[in-house]
PDB file of N, CA and C in Angstrom:
ATOM      1  N   MET A   1      -2.301  -4.476  10.019  1.00  0.00           N
ATOM      2  CA  MET A   1      -2.198  -3.561   8.924  1.00  0.00           C
ATOM      3  C   MET A   1      -2.230  -4.233   7.612  1.00  0.00           C
ATOM      4  N   LYS A   2      -1.866  -5.623   7.577  1.00  0.00           N
ATOM      5  CA  LYS A   2      -2.036  -6.278   6.394  1.00  0.00           C
ATOM      6  C   LYS A   2      -3.593  -6.553   5.980  1.00  0.00           C
ATOM      7  N   ARG A   3      -4.164  -6.903   7.060  1.00  0.00           N
ATOM      8  CA  ARG A   3      -5.677  -7.173   6.865  1.00  0.00           C
ATOM      9  C   ARG A   3      -6.304  -5.893   6.527  1.00  0.00           C
ATOM     10  N   ARG A   4      -6.126  -4.818   7.106  1.00  0.00           N
ATOM     11  CA  ARG A   4      -6.755  -3.385   6.783  1.00  0.00           C
ATOM     12  C   ARG A   4      -6.493  -3.045   5.350  1.00  0.00           C
ATOM     13  N   LEU A   5      -5.205  -3.230   4.914  1.00  0.00           N
ATOM     14  CA  LEU A   5      -4.915  -2.833   3.489  1.00  0.00           C
ATOM     15  C   LEU A   5      -5.592  -3.834   2.521  1.00  0.00           C
ATOM     16  N   GLU A   6      -5.646  -5.110   2.820  1.00  0.00           N
ATOM     17  CA  GLU A   6      -6.321  -5.958   1.822  1.00  0.00           C
ATOM     18  C   GLU A   6      -7.881  -5.895   1.896  1.00  0.00           C
ATOM     19  N   THR A   7      -8.464  -5.220   2.976  1.00  0.00           N
ATOM     20  CA  THR A   7      -9.937  -5.013   3.045  1.00  0.00           C
ATOM     21  C   THR A   7     -10.142  -3.696   2.483  1.00  0.00           C
ATOM     22  N   VAL A   8      -9.286  -2.708   2.381  1.00  0.00           N
ATOM     23  CA  VAL A   8      -9.684  -1.443   1.749  1.00  0.00           C
ATOM     24  C   VAL A   8      -9.550  -1.666   0.327  1.00  0.00           C
ATOM     25  N   GLY A   9      -8.537  -2.581  -0.054  1.00  0.00           N
ATOM     26  CA  GLY A   9      -8.140  -2.597  -1.492  1.00  0.00           C
ATOM     27  C   GLY A   9      -9.131  -3.294  -2.266  1.00  0.00           C
ATOM     28  N   SER A  10      -9.251  -3.087  -3.640  1.00  0.00           N
ATOM     29  CA  SER A  10     -10.125  -3.888  -4.550  1.00  0.00           C
ATOM     30  C   SER A  10      -9.273  -3.662  -5.880  1.00  0.00           C
ATOM     31  N   TYR A  11      -9.417  -4.744  -6.542  1.00  0.00           N
ATOM     32  CA  TYR A  11      -8.728  -4.893  -7.917  1.00  0.00           C
ATOM     33  C   TYR A  11      -9.379  -3.847  -8.822  1.00  0.00           C
ATOM     34  N   PRO A  12      -8.724  -2.959  -9.491  1.00  0.00           N
ATOM     35  CA  PRO A  12      -9.279  -1.958 -10.349  1.00  0.00           C
ATOM     36  C   PRO A  12      -9.901  -2.622 -11.558  1.00  0.00           C
ATOM     37  N   GLU A  13     -11.065  -2.186 -11.694  1.00  0.00           N
ATOM     38  CA  GLU A  13     -11.922  -2.819 -12.869  1.00  0.00           C
ATOM     39  C   GLU A  13     -11.245  -2.757 -14.193  1.00  0.00           C
ATOM     40  N   ILE A  14     -10.480  -1.720 -14.567  1.00  0.00           N
ATOM     41  CA  ILE A  14      -9.846  -1.607 -15.791  1.00  0.00           C
ATOM     42  C   ILE A  14      -8.794  -2.714 -15.862  1.00  0.00           C
ATOM     43  N   ALA A  15      -8.139  -2.954 -14.804  1.00  0.00           N
ATOM     44  CA  ALA A  15      -7.045  -3.923 -14.823  1.00  0.00           C
ATOM     45  C   ALA A  15      -7.678  -5.442 -14.837  1.00  0.00           C
ATOM     46  N   LYS A  16      -8.807  -5.613 -14.213  1.00  0.00           N
ATOM     47  CA  LYS A  16      -9.424  -6.852 -14.291  1.00  0.00           C
ATOM     48  C   LYS A  16      -9.800  -7.097 -15.917  1.00  0.00           C
ATOM     49  N   ALA A  17     -10.457  -6.084 -16.409  1.00  0.00           N
ATOM     50  CA  ALA A  17     -11.073  -6.240 -17.643  1.00  0.00           C
ATOM     51  C   ALA A  17      -9.824  -6.664 -18.850  1.00  0.00           C
ATOM     52  N   ARG A  18      -8.643  -5.999 -18.492  1.00  0.00           N
ATOM     53  CA  ARG A  18      -7.406  -6.214 -19.285  1.00  0.00           C
ATOM     54  C   ARG A  18      -6.580  -7.374 -18.882  1.00  0.00           C
ATOM     55  N   ARG A  19      -6.964  -7.851 -17.738  1.00  0.00           N
ATOM     56  CA  ARG A  19      -6.264  -9.126 -17.242  1.00  0.00           C
ATOM     57  C   ARG A  19      -4.840  -8.757 -16.871  1.00  0.00           C
ATOM     58  N   LEU A  20      -4.524  -7.545 -16.287  1.00  0.00           N
ATOM     59  CA  LEU A  20      -3.367  -7.073 -15.881  1.00  0.00           C
ATOM     60  C   LEU A  20      -2.957  -7.750 -14.636  1.00  0.00           C
ATOM     61  N   GLN A  21      -1.770  -8.001 -14.281  1.00  0.00           N
ATOM     62  CA  GLN A  21      -1.269  -8.764 -13.193  1.00  0.00           C
ATOM     63  C   GLN A  21       0.188  -7.967 -12.898  1.00  0.00           C
ATOM     64  N   GLY A  22       0.585  -8.126 -11.716  1.00  0.00           N
ATOM     65  CA  GLY A  22       1.915  -7.463 -11.359  1.00  0.00           C
ATOM     66  C   GLY A  22       2.120  -7.358  -9.942  1.00  0.00           C
ATOM     67  N   GLU A  23       3.279  -6.924  -9.544  1.00  0.00           N
ATOM     68  CA  GLU A  23       3.813  -6.791  -8.198  1.00  0.00           C
ATOM     69  C   GLU A  23       4.381  -5.284  -8.192  1.00  0.00           C
ATOM     70  N   VAL A  24       3.807  -4.675  -7.137  1.00  0.00           N
ATOM     71  CA  VAL A  24       4.312  -3.169  -6.875  1.00  0.00           C
ATOM     72  C   VAL A  24       5.019  -3.220  -5.543  1.00  0.00           C
ATOM     73  N   ARG A  25       6.194  -2.595  -5.553  1.00  0.00           N
ATOM     74  CA  ARG A  25       7.002  -2.510  -4.214  1.00  0.00           C
ATOM     75  C   ARG A  25       7.085  -1.132  -3.808  1.00  0.00           C
ATOM     76  N   ILE A  26       6.640  -0.721  -2.610  1.00  0.00           N
ATOM     77  CA  ILE A  26       6.586   0.710  -2.008  1.00  0.00           C
ATOM     78  C   ILE A  26       7.227   0.710  -0.881  1.00  0.00           C
ATOM     79  N   ASN A  27       8.018   1.785  -0.573  1.00  0.00           N
ATOM     80  CA  ASN A  27       8.316   2.123   0.886  1.00  0.00           C
ATOM     81  C   ASN A  27       7.442   3.211   1.279  1.00  0.00           C
ATOM     82  N   PHE A  28       6.980   3.076   2.436  1.00  0.00           N
ATOM     83  CA  PHE A  28       6.089   4.236   3.029  1.00  0.00           C
ATOM     84  C   PHE A  28       6.496   4.537   4.496  1.00  0.00           C
ATOM     85  N   SER A  29       5.996   5.544   4.846  1.00  0.00           N
ATOM     86  CA  SER A  29       6.277   5.771   6.407  1.00  0.00           C
ATOM     87  C   SER A  29       4.960   6.238   6.996  1.00  0.00           C
ATOM     88  N   ILE A  30       4.970   5.796   8.243  1.00  0.00           N
ATOM     89  CA  ILE A  30       3.875   6.298   9.149  1.00  0.00           C
ATOM     90  C   ILE A  30       4.456   7.194  10.206  1.00  0.00           C
ATOM     91  N   LEU A  31       3.846   8.382  10.320  1.00  0.00           N
ATOM     92  CA  LEU A  31       4.328   9.323  11.459  1.00  0.00           C
ATOM     93  C   LEU A  31       3.798   8.868  12.860  1.00  0.00           C
ATOM     94  N   LYS A  32       4.392   9.278  13.953  1.00  0.00           N
ATOM     95  CA  LYS A  32       4.158   8.880  15.140  1.00  0.00           C
ATOM     96  C   LYS A  32       2.650   9.084  15.626  1.00  0.00           C
ATOM     97  N   ASP A  33       2.008  10.153  14.940  1.00  0.00           N
ATOM     98  CA  ASP A  33       0.526  10.391  15.301  1.00  0.00           C
ATOM     99  C   ASP A  33      -0.449   9.436  14.293  1.00  0.00           C
ATOM    100  N   GLY A  34       0.145   8.739  13.604  1.00  0.00           N
ATOM    101  CA  GLY A  34      -0.592   7.711  12.807  1.00  0.00           C
ATOM    102  C   GLY A  34      -0.818   8.307  11.313  1.00  0.00           C
ATOM    103  N   LYS A  35      -0.420   9.464  10.967  1.00  0.00           N
ATOM    104  CA  LYS A  35      -0.654   9.888   9.688  1.00  0.00           C
ATOM    105  C   LYS A  35       0.324   9.286   8.761  1.00  0.00           C
ATOM    106  N   LEU A  36      -0.272   9.143   7.452  1.00  0.00           N
ATOM    107  CA  LEU A  36       0.753   8.747   6.435  1.00  0.00           C
ATOM    108  C   LEU A  36       1.896   9.671   6.034  1.00  0.00           C
ATOM    109  N   GLY A  37       2.995   9.196   6.035  1.00  0.00           N
ATOM    110  CA  GLY A  37       4.180  10.127   5.695  1.00  0.00           C
ATOM    111  C   GLY A  37       4.452  10.005   4.159  1.00  0.00           C
ATOM    112  N   ASP A  38       5.619   9.738   3.854  1.00  0.00           N
ATOM    113  CA  ASP A  38       6.306   9.626   2.440  1.00  0.00           C
ATOM    114  C   ASP A  38       5.849   8.460   1.836  1.00  0.00           C
ATOM    115  N   LEU A  39       5.629   8.404   0.520  1.00  0.00           N
ATOM    116  CA  LEU A  39       5.444   7.245  -0.319  1.00  0.00           C
ATOM    117  C   LEU A  39       6.352   7.172  -1.400  1.00  0.00           C
ATOM    118  N   SER A  40       7.116   6.022  -1.610  1.00  0.00           N
ATOM    119  CA  SER A  40       7.996   5.842  -2.684  1.00  0.00           C
ATOM    120  C   SER A  40       7.873   4.662  -3.530  1.00  0.00           C
ATOM    121  N   LEU A  41       7.653   4.813  -4.744  1.00  0.00           N
ATOM    122  CA  LEU A  41       7.419   3.561  -5.484  1.00  0.00           C
ATOM    123  C   LEU A  41       8.872   3.079  -5.834  1.00  0.00           C
ATOM    124  N   MET A  42       9.183   1.923  -5.196  1.00  0.00           N
ATOM    125  CA  MET A  42      10.503   1.145  -5.501  1.00  0.00           C
ATOM    126  C   MET A  42      10.747   0.381  -6.662  1.00  0.00           C
ATOM    127  N   SER A  43       9.600  -0.314  -6.979  1.00  0.00           N
ATOM    128  CA  SER A  43       9.567  -1.116  -8.219  1.00  0.00           C
ATOM    129  C   SER A  43       8.226  -1.226  -8.758  1.00  0.00           C
ATOM    130  N   SER A  44       8.157  -0.929 -10.028  1.00  0.00           N
ATOM    131  CA  SER A  44       6.782  -1.020 -10.790  1.00  0.00           C
ATOM    132  C   SER A  44       6.361  -2.365 -11.152  1.00  0.00           C
ATOM    133  N   SER A  45       5.009  -2.450 -11.276  1.00  0.00           N
ATOM    134  CA  SER A  45       4.387  -3.698 -11.784  1.00  0.00           C
ATOM    135  C   SER A  45       4.566  -3.804 -13.328  1.00  0.00           C
ATOM    136  N   GLY A  46       4.956  -2.656 -13.808  1.00  0.00           N
ATOM    137  CA  GLY A  46       4.858  -2.607 -15.469  1.00  0.00           C
ATOM    138  C   GLY A  46       3.628  -2.127 -15.849  1.00  0.00           C
ATOM    139  N   HIS A  47       2.616  -1.672 -15.064  1.00  0.00           N
ATOM    140  CA  HIS A  47       1.321  -1.333 -15.334  1.00  0.00           C
ATOM    141  C   HIS A  47       1.042  -0.073 -14.447  1.00  0.00           C
ATOM    142  N   ARG A  48       0.902   1.140 -15.016  1.00  0.00           N
ATOM    143  CA  ARG A  48       0.679   2.303 -14.268  1.00  0.00           C
ATOM    144  C   ARG A  48      -0.543   2.203 -13.570  1.00  0.00           C
ATOM    145  N   ILE A  49      -1.557   1.626 -14.033  1.00  0.00           N
ATOM    146  CA  ILE A  49      -2.964   1.571 -13.181  1.00  0.00           C
ATOM    147  C   ILE A  49      -2.640   0.796 -11.793  1.00  0.00           C
ATOM    148  N   LEU A  50      -1.946  -0.281 -11.927  1.00  0.00           N
ATOM    149  CA  LEU A  50      -1.700  -1.107 -10.761  1.00  0.00           C
ATOM    150  C   LEU A  50      -0.743  -0.441  -9.733  1.00  0.00           C
ATOM    151  N   ASP A  51       0.156   0.353 -10.292  1.00  0.00           N
ATOM    152  CA  ASP A  51       1.230   1.152  -9.517  1.00  0.00           C
ATOM    153  C   ASP A  51       0.321   2.264  -8.756  1.00  0.00           C
ATOM    154  N   GLU A  52      -0.516   3.062  -9.563  1.00  0.00           N
ATOM    155  CA  GLU A  52      -1.218   4.114  -8.836  1.00  0.00           C
ATOM    156  C   GLU A  52      -2.322   3.548  -7.882  1.00  0.00           C
ATOM    157  N   ASP A  53      -2.805   2.406  -8.153  1.00  0.00           N
ATOM    158  CA  ASP A  53      -3.769   1.694  -7.121  1.00  0.00           C
ATOM    159  C   ASP A  53      -3.090   1.397  -5.837  1.00  0.00           C
ATOM    160  N   ALA A  54      -1.954   0.851  -6.023  1.00  0.00           N
ATOM    161  CA  ALA A  54      -1.165   0.562  -4.631  1.00  0.00           C
ATOM    162  C   ALA A  54      -0.863   1.722  -3.920  1.00  0.00           C
ATOM    163  N   MET A  55      -0.632   2.771  -4.499  1.00  0.00           N
ATOM    164  CA  MET A  55      -0.302   4.009  -3.728  1.00  0.00           C
ATOM    165  C   MET A  55      -1.739   4.648  -3.233  1.00  0.00           C
ATOM    166  N   ARG A  56      -2.799   4.494  -4.008  1.00  0.00           N
ATOM    167  CA  ARG A  56      -4.109   4.789  -3.491  1.00  0.00           C
ATOM    168  C   ARG A  56      -4.417   4.056  -2.264  1.00  0.00           C
ATOM    169  N   LEU A  57      -4.229   2.892  -2.332  1.00  0.00           N
ATOM    170  CA  LEU A  57      -4.540   1.892  -1.242  1.00  0.00           C
ATOM    171  C   LEU A  57      -3.909   2.378   0.078  1.00  0.00           C
ATOM    172  N   LEU A  58      -2.677   2.859   0.204  1.00  0.00           N
ATOM    173  CA  LEU A  58      -2.133   3.225   1.313  1.00  0.00           C
ATOM    174  C   LEU A  58      -2.806   4.610   1.725  1.00  0.00           C
ATOM    175  N   ASN A  59      -3.221   5.524   1.012  1.00  0.00           N
ATOM    176  CA  ASN A  59      -3.850   6.729   1.372  1.00  0.00           C
ATOM    177  C   ASN A  59      -5.279   6.383   1.957  1.00  0.00           C
ATOM    178  N   ASP A  60      -5.927   5.419   1.250  1.00  0.00           N
ATOM    179  CA  ASP A  60      -7.239   5.065   1.620  1.00  0.00           C
ATOM    180  C   ASP A  60      -7.307   4.472   3.004  1.00  0.00           C
ATOM    181  N   ALA A  61      -6.237   3.716   3.365  1.00  0.00           N
ATOM    182  CA  ALA A  61      -6.204   3.048   4.620  1.00  0.00           C
ATOM    183  C   ALA A  61      -5.750   4.001   5.768  1.00  0.00           C
ATOM    184  N   ALA A  62      -5.404   5.207   5.483  1.00  0.00           N
ATOM    185  CA  ALA A  62      -4.770   6.203   6.545  1.00  0.00           C
ATOM    186  C   ALA A  62      -6.095   6.830   7.090  1.00  0.00           C
ATOM    187  N   PRO A  63      -5.954   7.219   8.289  1.00  0.00           N
ATOM    188  CA  PRO A  63      -4.790   7.145   9.130  1.00  0.00           C
ATOM    189  C   PRO A  63      -4.635   5.847   9.836  1.00  0.00           C
ATOM    190  N   TYR A  64      -3.461   5.668  10.380  1.00  0.00           N
ATOM    191  CA  TYR A  64      -3.138   4.477  11.071  1.00  0.00           C
ATOM    192  C   TYR A  64      -3.016   4.798  12.631  1.00  0.00           C
ATOM    193  N   GLU A  65      -2.874   3.736  13.283  1.00  0.00           N
ATOM    194  CA  GLU A  65      -2.836   3.849  14.798  1.00  0.00           C
ATOM    195  C   GLU A  65      -1.556   4.712  15.090  1.00  0.00           C
ATOM    196  N   ALA A  66      -1.650   5.551  16.032  1.00  0.00           N
ATOM    197  CA  ALA A  66      -0.627   6.386  16.580  1.00  0.00           C
ATOM    198  C   ALA A  66       0.333   5.343  17.387  1.00  0.00           C
ATOM    199  N   PHE A  67       1.570   5.716  17.530  1.00  0.00           N
ATOM    200  CA  PHE A  67       2.631   4.844  18.106  1.00  0.00           C
ATOM    201  C   PHE A  67       2.405   4.777  19.620  1.00  0.00           C
ATOM    202  N   PRO A  68       2.709   3.884  20.204  1.00  0.00           N
ATOM    203  CA  PRO A  68       2.668   3.914  21.849  1.00  0.00           C
ATOM    204  C   PRO A  68       3.716   4.940  22.288  1.00  0.00           C
ATOM    205  N   LYS A  69       3.423   5.562  23.313  1.00  0.00           N
ATOM    206  CA  LYS A  69       4.140   6.540  24.056  1.00  0.00           C
ATOM    207  C   LYS A  69       5.588   6.124  24.357  1.00  0.00           C
ATOM    208  N   GLU A  70       5.677   4.883  24.565  1.00  0.00           N
ATOM    209  CA  GLU A  70       7.114   4.256  24.827  1.00  0.00           C
ATOM    210  C   GLU A  70       8.029   4.198  23.493  1.00  0.00           C
ATOM    211  N   TRP A  71       7.515   4.408  22.305  1.00  0.00           N
ATOM    212  CA  TRP A  71       8.280   4.444  21.159  1.00  0.00           C
ATOM    213  C   TRP A  71       8.865   5.908  21.014  1.00  0.00           C
ATOM    214  N   ASP A  72      10.183   5.882  21.167  1.00  0.00           N
ATOM    215  CA  ASP A  72      10.770   7.104  20.945  1.00  0.00           C
ATOM    216  C   ASP A  72      11.354   7.352  19.555  1.00  0.00           C
ATOM    217  N   ILE A  73      10.336   7.371  18.531  1.00  0.00           N
ATOM    218  CA  ILE A  73      10.616   7.509  17.151  1.00  0.00           C
ATOM    219  C   ILE A  73       9.586   8.486  16.471  1.00  0.00           C
ATOM    220  N   GLU A  74      10.052   9.298  15.440  1.00  0.00           N
ATOM    221  CA  GLU A  74       9.230  10.194  14.793  1.00  0.00           C
ATOM    222  C   GLU A  74       8.440   9.471  13.624  1.00  0.00           C
ATOM    223  N   GLN A  75       8.883   8.429  13.078  1.00  0.00           N
ATOM    224  CA  GLN A  75       8.368   7.797  11.929  1.00  0.00           C
ATOM    225  C   GLN A  75       8.806   6.261  11.965  1.00  0.00           C
ATOM    226  N   LEU A  76       8.005   5.516  11.086  1.00  0.00           N
ATOM    227  CA  LEU A  76       8.372   4.108  10.849  1.00  0.00           C
ATOM    228  C   LEU A  76       8.274   3.978   9.421  1.00  0.00           C
ATOM    229  N   ILE A  77       9.435   3.504   8.777  1.00  0.00           N
ATOM    230  CA  ILE A  77       9.526   3.203   7.457  1.00  0.00           C
ATOM    231  C   ILE A  77       9.229   1.836   7.183  1.00  0.00           C
ATOM    232  N   ILE A  78       8.309   1.532   6.202  1.00  0.00           N
ATOM    233  CA  ILE A  78       7.820   0.076   6.059  1.00  0.00           C
ATOM    234  C   ILE A  78       7.996  -0.216   4.560  1.00  0.00           C
ATOM    235  N   PRO A  79       8.790  -1.243   4.125  1.00  0.00           N
ATOM    236  CA  PRO A  79       8.616  -1.712   2.918  1.00  0.00           C
ATOM    237  C   PRO A  79       7.403  -2.557   2.604  1.00  0.00           C
ATOM    238  N   LEU A  80       6.637  -2.347   1.481  1.00  0.00           N
ATOM    239  CA  LEU A  80       5.543  -3.002   1.189  1.00  0.00           C
ATOM    240  C   LEU A  80       5.484  -3.773  -0.198  1.00  0.00           C
ATOM    241  N   ARG A  81       4.904  -4.879  -0.314  1.00  0.00           N
ATOM    242  CA  ARG A  81       4.715  -5.462  -1.635  1.00  0.00           C
ATOM    243  C   ARG A  81       3.074  -5.693  -1.958  1.00  0.00           C
ATOM    244  N   VAL A  82       2.710  -5.314  -2.952  1.00  0.00           N
ATOM    245  CA  VAL A  82       1.323  -5.445  -3.147  1.00  0.00           C
ATOM    246  C   VAL A  82       1.306  -6.273  -4.482  1.00  0.00           C
ATOM    247  N   ILE A  83       0.729  -7.472  -4.401  1.00  0.00           N
ATOM    248  CA  ILE A  83       0.672  -8.263  -5.693  1.00  0.00           C
ATOM    249  C   ILE A  83      -0.844  -8.374  -6.159  1.00  0.00           C
ATOM    250  N   TYR A  84      -0.921  -8.078  -7.425  1.00  0.00           N
ATOM    251  CA  TYR A  84      -2.156  -8.222  -8.142  1.00  0.00           C
ATOM    252  C   TYR A  84      -2.174  -9.350  -8.974  1.00  0.00           C
ATOM    253  N   HIS A  85      -2.971 -10.394  -8.707  1.00  0.00           N
ATOM    254  CA  HIS A  85      -2.885 -11.591  -9.410  1.00  0.00           C
ATOM    255  C   HIS A  85      -4.378 -12.266  -9.445  1.00  0.00           C
ATOM    256  N   ILE A  86      -4.893 -12.297 -10.766  1.00  0.00           N
ATOM    257  CA  ILE A  86      -6.124 -12.887 -11.148  1.00  0.00           C
ATOM    258  C   ILE A  86      -7.304 -12.422 -10.200  1.00  0.00           C
ATOM    259  N   ASN A  87      -7.529 -11.119 -10.294  1.00  0.00           N
ATOM    260  CA  ASN A  87      -8.590 -10.485  -9.495  1.00  0.00           C
ATOM    261  C   ASN A  87      -8.504 -10.528  -7.976  1.00  0.00           C
ATOM    262  N   HIS A  88      -7.253 -10.745  -7.360  1.00  0.00           N
ATOM    263  CA  HIS A  88      -7.159 -10.717  -5.942  1.00  0.00           C
ATOM    264  C   HIS A  88      -5.772  -9.816  -5.692  1.00  0.00           C
ATOM    265  N   ILE A  89      -5.831  -9.109  -4.522  1.00  0.00           N
ATOM    266  CA  ILE A  89      -4.760  -8.183  -4.120  1.00  0.00           C
ATOM    267  C   ILE A  89      -4.143  -8.913  -2.944  1.00  0.00           C
ATOM    268  N   TYR A  90      -2.803  -9.076  -2.846  1.00  0.00           N
ATOM    269  CA  TYR A  90      -2.171  -9.656  -1.690  1.00  0.00           C
ATOM    270  C   TYR A  90      -1.073  -8.663  -1.281  1.00  0.00           C
ATOM    271  N   VAL A  91      -1.073  -8.344   0.063  1.00  0.00           N
ATOM    272  CA  VAL A  91      -0.245  -7.417   0.692  1.00  0.00           C
ATOM    273  C   VAL A  91       0.817  -8.168   1.558  1.00  0.00           C
ATOM    274  N   PHE A  92       2.115  -7.769   1.425  1.00  0.00           N
ATOM    275  CA  PHE A  92       3.073  -8.371   2.228  1.00  0.00           C
ATOM    276  C   PHE A  92       4.080  -7.450   2.790  1.00  0.00           C
TER     277      PHE A  92
END
């Protein structure tokens, strides 16, 4: 998933031009069929454009793989850190 998110993501051009950097923390859920569930911004980067881009990144990477049939859960909640640093995006 990390590789997929980093591949889909690109540093926003406006943020590059303004040399904006920061870390966004998001909690998101994936439903058992692989669809993206809820998104919650837990901690802002201090720059709206970076916060919105991190949320867009999760939407653009959807849908995700469906859960194995052995998993008896409806959704998986995942904490995510997206770091914007000197024209690169890092996902943890």
